[in-house]
């Protein structure tokens, strides 16, 4: 996955993504649309987060905001696994985090002050 949409499509409940193909396929041209099913290559121990919690991402990694003190956020790199309808598996990178910010990430920067609402 080389890029994902900023938010979910309200009508379809899906996210738009761009895939970078490793092997070129004859007959495909830039700008074509398609449908893909994404399956992880192997089962890993992981947990899922809402897709909206994920910031910029690449093929197997992305970023999320975490907090350990419920007052400030820190941007951390995470390793990604399987993508589901509205969530994504995180397979690494959150070992030292106590909480993941799952809402409002687009409005935060590293070190932003927050107020946790339960």
N, C-alpha and C. Protein backbone atom coordinates (compact mmCIF):
# COMPACT_ATOMS: atom_id res chain seq x y z
N UNK A 1 0.85 -1.16 0.00
CA UNK A 1 0.00 0.00 0.00
C UNK A 1 0.89 1.22 0.00
N UNK A 2 0.76 2.05 -1.00
CA UNK A 2 1.61 3.23 -1.09
C UNK A 2 0.93 4.49 -0.58
N UNK A 3 -0.41 4.49 -0.55
CA UNK A 3 -1.13 5.66 -0.04
C UNK A 3 -2.54 5.25 0.32
N UNK A 4 -3.13 5.93 1.34
CA UNK A 4 -4.52 5.68 1.71
C UNK A 4 -5.28 6.99 1.76
N UNK A 5 -6.59 6.90 1.63
CA UNK A 5 -7.41 8.10 1.72
C UNK A 5 -7.41 8.62 3.15
N UNK A 6 -7.72 9.89 3.31
CA UNK A 6 -7.71 10.53 4.63
C UNK A 6 -8.87 10.06 5.51
N UNK A 7 -9.98 9.69 4.89
CA UNK A 7 -11.14 9.29 5.69
C UNK A 7 -11.96 8.24 4.95
N UNK A 8 -12.90 7.68 5.67
CA UNK A 8 -13.77 6.64 5.12
C UNK A 8 -14.83 7.26 4.20
N UNK A 9 -15.19 6.55 3.15
CA UNK A 9 -16.28 6.98 2.27
C UNK A 9 -17.58 6.67 2.98
N UNK A 10 -18.37 7.69 3.29
CA UNK A 10 -19.59 7.52 4.07
C UNK A 10 -20.61 6.61 3.39
N UNK A 11 -20.68 6.62 2.07
CA UNK A 11 -21.66 5.80 1.36
C UNK A 11 -21.27 4.33 1.30
N UNK A 12 -20.00 4.06 1.01
CA UNK A 12 -19.59 2.67 0.82
C UNK A 12 -18.97 2.04 2.06
N UNK A 13 -18.52 2.88 3.01
CA UNK A 13 -17.86 2.35 4.20
C UNK A 13 -16.47 1.83 3.91
N UNK A 14 -15.85 2.32 2.84
CA UNK A 14 -14.52 1.85 2.44
C UNK A 14 -13.52 3.00 2.42
N UNK A 15 -12.24 2.63 2.33
CA UNK A 15 -11.15 3.59 2.18
C UNK A 15 -10.54 3.38 0.81
N UNK A 16 -10.15 4.46 0.18
CA UNK A 16 -9.40 4.35 -1.06
C UNK A 16 -7.93 4.19 -0.74
N UNK A 17 -7.26 3.31 -1.47
CA UNK A 17 -5.82 3.13 -1.30
C UNK A 17 -5.17 3.03 -2.67
N UNK A 18 -3.87 3.29 -2.72
CA UNK A 18 -3.09 3.04 -3.91
C UNK A 18 -2.13 1.91 -3.60
N UNK A 19 -2.04 0.97 -4.53
CA UNK A 19 -1.13 -0.16 -4.38
C UNK A 19 0.01 -0.01 -5.37
N UNK A 20 1.22 -0.25 -4.90
CA UNK A 20 2.38 -0.27 -5.78
C UNK A 20 2.64 -1.72 -6.16
N UNK A 21 2.53 -2.03 -7.44
CA UNK A 21 2.71 -3.40 -7.90
C UNK A 21 4.19 -3.74 -8.00
N UNK A 22 4.57 -4.88 -7.47
CA UNK A 22 5.96 -5.32 -7.51
C UNK A 22 6.32 -5.80 -8.91
N UNK A 23 5.47 -6.63 -9.49
CA UNK A 23 5.68 -7.15 -10.84
C UNK A 23 4.73 -6.45 -11.79
N UNK A 24 5.25 -5.95 -12.89
CA UNK A 24 4.40 -5.26 -13.85
C UNK A 24 3.51 -6.26 -14.57
N UNK A 25 2.28 -5.84 -14.82
CA UNK A 25 1.31 -6.68 -15.49
C UNK A 25 0.95 -6.03 -16.82
N UNK A 26 1.02 -6.80 -17.91
CA UNK A 26 0.67 -6.26 -19.22
C UNK A 26 -0.80 -5.90 -19.24
N UNK A 27 -1.11 -4.81 -19.91
CA UNK A 27 -2.50 -4.40 -20.05
C UNK A 27 -2.95 -3.41 -18.99
N UNK A 28 -2.15 -3.18 -17.97
CA UNK A 28 -2.51 -2.19 -16.96
C UNK A 28 -1.89 -0.86 -17.32
N UNK A 29 -2.68 0.20 -17.19
CA UNK A 29 -2.20 1.54 -17.48
C UNK A 29 -2.45 2.43 -16.27
N UNK A 30 -1.71 3.49 -16.16
CA UNK A 30 -1.87 4.42 -15.05
C UNK A 30 -3.29 4.96 -15.02
N UNK A 31 -3.86 5.07 -13.83
CA UNK A 31 -5.19 5.64 -13.66
C UNK A 31 -6.33 4.65 -13.70
N UNK A 32 -6.07 3.39 -13.98
CA UNK A 32 -7.13 2.39 -14.00
C UNK A 32 -7.58 2.07 -12.58
N UNK A 33 -8.83 1.70 -12.43
CA UNK A 33 -9.37 1.31 -11.14
C UNK A 33 -9.51 -0.19 -11.09
N UNK A 34 -9.45 -0.74 -9.91
CA UNK A 34 -9.60 -2.18 -9.76
C UNK A 34 -10.06 -2.52 -8.37
N UNK A 35 -10.19 -3.79 -8.11
CA UNK A 35 -10.60 -4.28 -6.81
C UNK A 35 -9.55 -5.27 -6.35
N UNK A 36 -9.17 -5.19 -5.08
CA UNK A 36 -8.14 -6.09 -4.55
C UNK A 36 -8.56 -6.62 -3.20
N UNK A 37 -8.19 -7.84 -2.94
CA UNK A 37 -8.32 -8.42 -1.60
C UNK A 37 -6.91 -8.52 -1.05
N UNK A 38 -6.71 -8.03 0.16
CA UNK A 38 -5.38 -8.01 0.75
C UNK A 38 -5.34 -9.00 1.89
N UNK A 39 -4.44 -9.96 1.78
CA UNK A 39 -4.28 -10.99 2.81
C UNK A 39 -2.85 -10.94 3.34
N UNK A 40 -2.68 -11.08 4.64
CA UNK A 40 -1.31 -11.10 5.16
C UNK A 40 -0.58 -12.36 4.70
N UNK A 41 0.73 -12.24 4.53
CA UNK A 41 1.50 -13.39 4.06
C UNK A 41 1.66 -14.46 5.13
N UNK A 42 1.63 -14.07 6.39
CA UNK A 42 1.70 -15.04 7.47
C UNK A 42 0.96 -14.48 8.68
N UNK A 43 0.47 -15.37 9.50
CA UNK A 43 -0.26 -14.96 10.70
C UNK A 43 0.74 -14.46 11.73
N UNK A 44 0.45 -13.30 12.32
CA UNK A 44 1.32 -12.72 13.32
C UNK A 44 0.51 -12.33 14.53
N UNK A 45 1.18 -12.29 15.67
CA UNK A 45 0.53 -11.76 16.86
C UNK A 45 0.38 -10.26 16.67
N UNK A 46 -0.84 -9.77 16.79
CA UNK A 46 -1.09 -8.36 16.57
C UNK A 46 -2.41 -7.98 17.22
N UNK A 47 -2.70 -6.71 17.17
CA UNK A 47 -4.02 -6.24 17.56
C UNK A 47 -4.44 -5.21 16.53
N UNK A 48 -5.71 -4.87 16.51
CA UNK A 48 -6.21 -3.97 15.48
C UNK A 48 -6.52 -2.60 16.06
N UNK A 49 -6.36 -1.59 15.20
CA UNK A 49 -6.73 -0.23 15.53
C UNK A 49 -7.66 0.28 14.43
N UNK A 50 -8.49 1.28 14.72
CA UNK A 50 -9.31 1.86 13.66
C UNK A 50 -8.42 2.45 12.57
N UNK A 51 -8.84 2.33 11.34
CA UNK A 51 -8.06 2.82 10.20
C UNK A 51 -7.79 4.31 10.32
N UNK A 52 -8.75 5.07 10.90
CA UNK A 52 -8.59 6.51 11.06
C UNK A 52 -7.46 6.88 12.01
N UNK A 53 -7.04 5.95 12.87
CA UNK A 53 -5.94 6.23 13.80
C UNK A 53 -4.59 6.23 13.09
N UNK A 54 -4.52 5.61 11.92
CA UNK A 54 -3.27 5.49 11.17
C UNK A 54 -2.97 6.78 10.42
N UNK A 55 -1.75 7.27 10.58
CA UNK A 55 -1.29 8.44 9.85
C UNK A 55 -0.59 7.96 8.59
N UNK A 56 0.26 8.78 8.05
CA UNK A 56 1.01 8.42 6.85
C UNK A 56 1.53 7.00 6.93
N UNK A 57 1.47 6.32 5.83
CA UNK A 57 1.94 4.94 5.83
C UNK A 57 2.62 4.57 4.54
N UNK A 58 3.36 3.51 4.62
CA UNK A 58 4.01 2.95 3.44
C UNK A 58 3.53 1.53 3.25
N UNK A 59 4.39 0.72 2.69
CA UNK A 59 4.03 -0.65 2.38
C UNK A 59 3.67 -1.48 3.61
N UNK A 60 4.57 -1.52 4.58
CA UNK A 60 4.34 -2.33 5.78
C UNK A 60 4.46 -1.53 7.06
N UNK A 61 4.49 -0.22 6.96
CA UNK A 61 4.64 0.59 8.15
C UNK A 61 3.83 1.87 8.04
N UNK A 62 3.58 2.45 9.18
CA UNK A 62 2.84 3.70 9.24
C UNK A 62 3.15 4.38 10.56
N UNK A 63 2.37 5.39 10.89
CA UNK A 63 2.57 6.13 12.13
C UNK A 63 1.25 6.29 12.85
N UNK A 64 1.32 6.30 14.16
CA UNK A 64 0.16 6.60 15.01
C UNK A 64 0.63 7.52 16.12
N UNK A 65 -0.33 8.18 16.75
CA UNK A 65 -0.03 8.96 17.95
C UNK A 65 -0.35 8.11 19.16
N UNK A 66 0.54 8.16 20.16
CA UNK A 66 0.32 7.45 21.42
C UNK A 66 0.48 8.44 22.57
N UNK A 67 -0.02 8.05 23.73
CA UNK A 67 0.21 8.82 24.95
C UNK A 67 0.52 7.86 26.08
N UNK A 68 1.45 8.25 26.91
CA UNK A 68 1.78 7.46 28.10
C UNK A 68 1.38 8.18 29.37
N UNK A 69 1.07 9.48 29.25
CA UNK A 69 0.71 10.26 30.43
C UNK A 69 -0.69 10.88 30.35
N UNK A 70 -1.42 10.60 29.28
CA UNK A 70 -2.76 11.15 29.04
C UNK A 70 -2.77 12.67 28.97
N UNK A 71 -1.62 13.28 28.67
CA UNK A 71 -1.54 14.73 28.57
C UNK A 71 -0.88 15.20 27.27
N UNK A 72 0.08 14.45 26.77
CA UNK A 72 0.76 14.81 25.53
C UNK A 72 0.84 13.58 24.62
N UNK A 73 0.98 13.85 23.32
CA UNK A 73 1.06 12.75 22.36
C UNK A 73 2.46 12.66 21.76
N UNK A 74 2.77 11.48 21.28
CA UNK A 74 4.04 11.22 20.61
C UNK A 74 3.74 10.42 19.34
N UNK A 75 4.34 10.82 18.23
CA UNK A 75 4.17 10.11 16.96
C UNK A 75 5.17 8.96 16.92
N UNK A 76 4.68 7.74 16.72
CA UNK A 76 5.56 6.57 16.68
C UNK A 76 5.33 5.77 15.40
N UNK A 77 6.41 5.15 14.92
CA UNK A 77 6.34 4.29 13.74
C UNK A 77 5.85 2.91 14.17
N UNK A 78 4.92 2.34 13.40
CA UNK A 78 4.40 1.01 13.69
C UNK A 78 4.53 0.12 12.45
N UNK A 79 4.60 -1.18 12.68
CA UNK A 79 4.60 -2.15 11.60
C UNK A 79 3.16 -2.63 11.41
N UNK A 80 2.75 -2.76 10.16
CA UNK A 80 1.36 -3.06 9.84
C UNK A 80 1.19 -4.47 9.30
N UNK A 81 0.02 -5.03 9.56
CA UNK A 81 -0.34 -6.36 9.07
C UNK A 81 -1.57 -6.29 8.20
N UNK A 82 -2.52 -7.16 8.47
CA UNK A 82 -3.72 -7.30 7.65
C UNK A 82 -4.61 -6.06 7.72
N UNK A 83 -5.21 -5.73 6.58
CA UNK A 83 -6.17 -4.63 6.50
C UNK A 83 -7.55 -5.24 6.43
N UNK A 84 -8.45 -4.76 7.29
CA UNK A 84 -9.84 -5.20 7.28
C UNK A 84 -10.70 -4.03 6.87
N UNK A 85 -12.01 -4.19 6.92
CA UNK A 85 -12.93 -3.17 6.41
C UNK A 85 -12.66 -1.79 7.00
N UNK A 86 -12.61 -1.67 8.30
CA UNK A 86 -12.43 -0.36 8.93
C UNK A 86 -11.33 -0.35 9.97
N UNK A 87 -10.47 -1.35 9.94
CA UNK A 87 -9.37 -1.41 10.90
C UNK A 87 -8.15 -2.07 10.27
N UNK A 88 -7.04 -1.93 10.95
CA UNK A 88 -5.78 -2.47 10.45
C UNK A 88 -5.00 -3.09 11.60
N UNK A 89 -4.31 -4.18 11.33
CA UNK A 89 -3.53 -4.86 12.36
C UNK A 89 -2.19 -4.16 12.54
N UNK A 90 -1.80 -3.98 13.79
CA UNK A 90 -0.49 -3.44 14.13
C UNK A 90 0.32 -4.60 14.70
N UNK A 91 1.44 -4.90 14.07
CA UNK A 91 2.24 -6.06 14.47
C UNK A 91 3.48 -5.67 15.27
N UNK A 92 3.78 -4.40 15.37
CA UNK A 92 4.94 -3.97 16.14
C UNK A 92 5.03 -2.47 16.23
N UNK A 93 5.79 -2.00 17.22
CA UNK A 93 6.03 -0.57 17.36
C UNK A 93 5.32 0.06 18.54
N UNK A 94 4.39 -0.67 19.15
CA UNK A 94 3.62 -0.10 20.27
C UNK A 94 3.98 -0.74 21.60
N UNK A 95 5.11 -1.40 21.67
CA UNK A 95 5.49 -2.12 22.89
C UNK A 95 5.60 -1.21 24.10
N UNK A 96 6.02 0.05 23.90
CA UNK A 96 6.22 0.97 25.02
C UNK A 96 5.10 1.99 25.16
N UNK A 97 3.98 1.78 24.47
CA UNK A 97 2.86 2.74 24.52
C UNK A 97 1.77 2.23 25.43
N UNK A 98 1.19 3.14 26.22
CA UNK A 98 0.09 2.71 27.08
C UNK A 98 -1.26 2.95 26.41
N UNK A 99 -1.36 3.97 25.54
CA UNK A 99 -2.64 4.27 24.86
C UNK A 99 -2.37 4.77 23.45
N UNK A 100 -3.22 4.35 22.51
CA UNK A 100 -3.16 4.81 21.13
C UNK A 100 -4.28 5.81 20.92
N UNK A 101 -3.97 6.93 20.28
CA UNK A 101 -4.99 7.93 19.96
C UNK A 101 -5.74 7.43 18.73
N UNK A 102 -7.05 7.22 18.87
CA UNK A 102 -7.82 6.64 17.77
C UNK A 102 -8.74 7.64 17.09
N UNK A 103 -8.81 8.85 17.61
CA UNK A 103 -9.71 9.85 17.03
C UNK A 103 -9.03 11.21 17.08
N UNK A 104 -9.18 11.97 16.02
CA UNK A 104 -8.62 13.32 15.98
C UNK A 104 -7.15 13.39 15.62
N UNK A 105 -6.57 12.30 15.16
CA UNK A 105 -5.14 12.27 14.84
C UNK A 105 -4.74 13.31 13.80
N UNK A 106 -5.63 13.61 12.88
CA UNK A 106 -5.32 14.56 11.81
C UNK A 106 -5.07 15.96 12.35
N UNK A 107 -5.52 16.25 13.56
CA UNK A 107 -5.38 17.58 14.15
C UNK A 107 -4.21 17.68 15.11
N UNK A 108 -3.42 16.62 15.25
CA UNK A 108 -2.34 16.59 16.23
C UNK A 108 -0.97 16.69 15.57
N UNK A 109 -0.01 17.13 16.35
CA UNK A 109 1.40 17.08 15.97
C UNK A 109 2.16 16.48 17.15
N UNK A 110 3.37 16.05 16.90
CA UNK A 110 4.19 15.46 17.95
C UNK A 110 4.32 16.44 19.12
N UNK A 111 3.96 16.02 20.31
CA UNK A 111 4.03 16.86 21.50
C UNK A 111 2.77 17.63 21.82
N UNK A 112 1.71 17.48 20.99
CA UNK A 112 0.45 18.18 21.25
C UNK A 112 -0.10 17.82 22.62
N UNK A 113 -0.72 18.80 23.27
CA UNK A 113 -1.40 18.57 24.54
C UNK A 113 -2.78 18.00 24.23
N UNK A 114 -3.24 17.05 25.04
CA UNK A 114 -4.55 16.43 24.83
C UNK A 114 -5.31 16.33 26.14
N UNK A 115 -6.60 16.08 26.01
CA UNK A 115 -7.46 15.76 27.15
C UNK A 115 -8.17 14.46 26.78
N UNK A 116 -7.95 13.42 27.56
CA UNK A 116 -8.54 12.12 27.27
C UNK A 116 -9.99 12.11 27.73
N UNK A 117 -10.89 11.70 26.85
CA UNK A 117 -12.32 11.59 27.16
C UNK A 117 -12.69 10.12 27.08
N UNK A 118 -13.28 9.61 28.14
CA UNK A 118 -13.66 8.19 28.17
C UNK A 118 -15.14 8.02 28.00
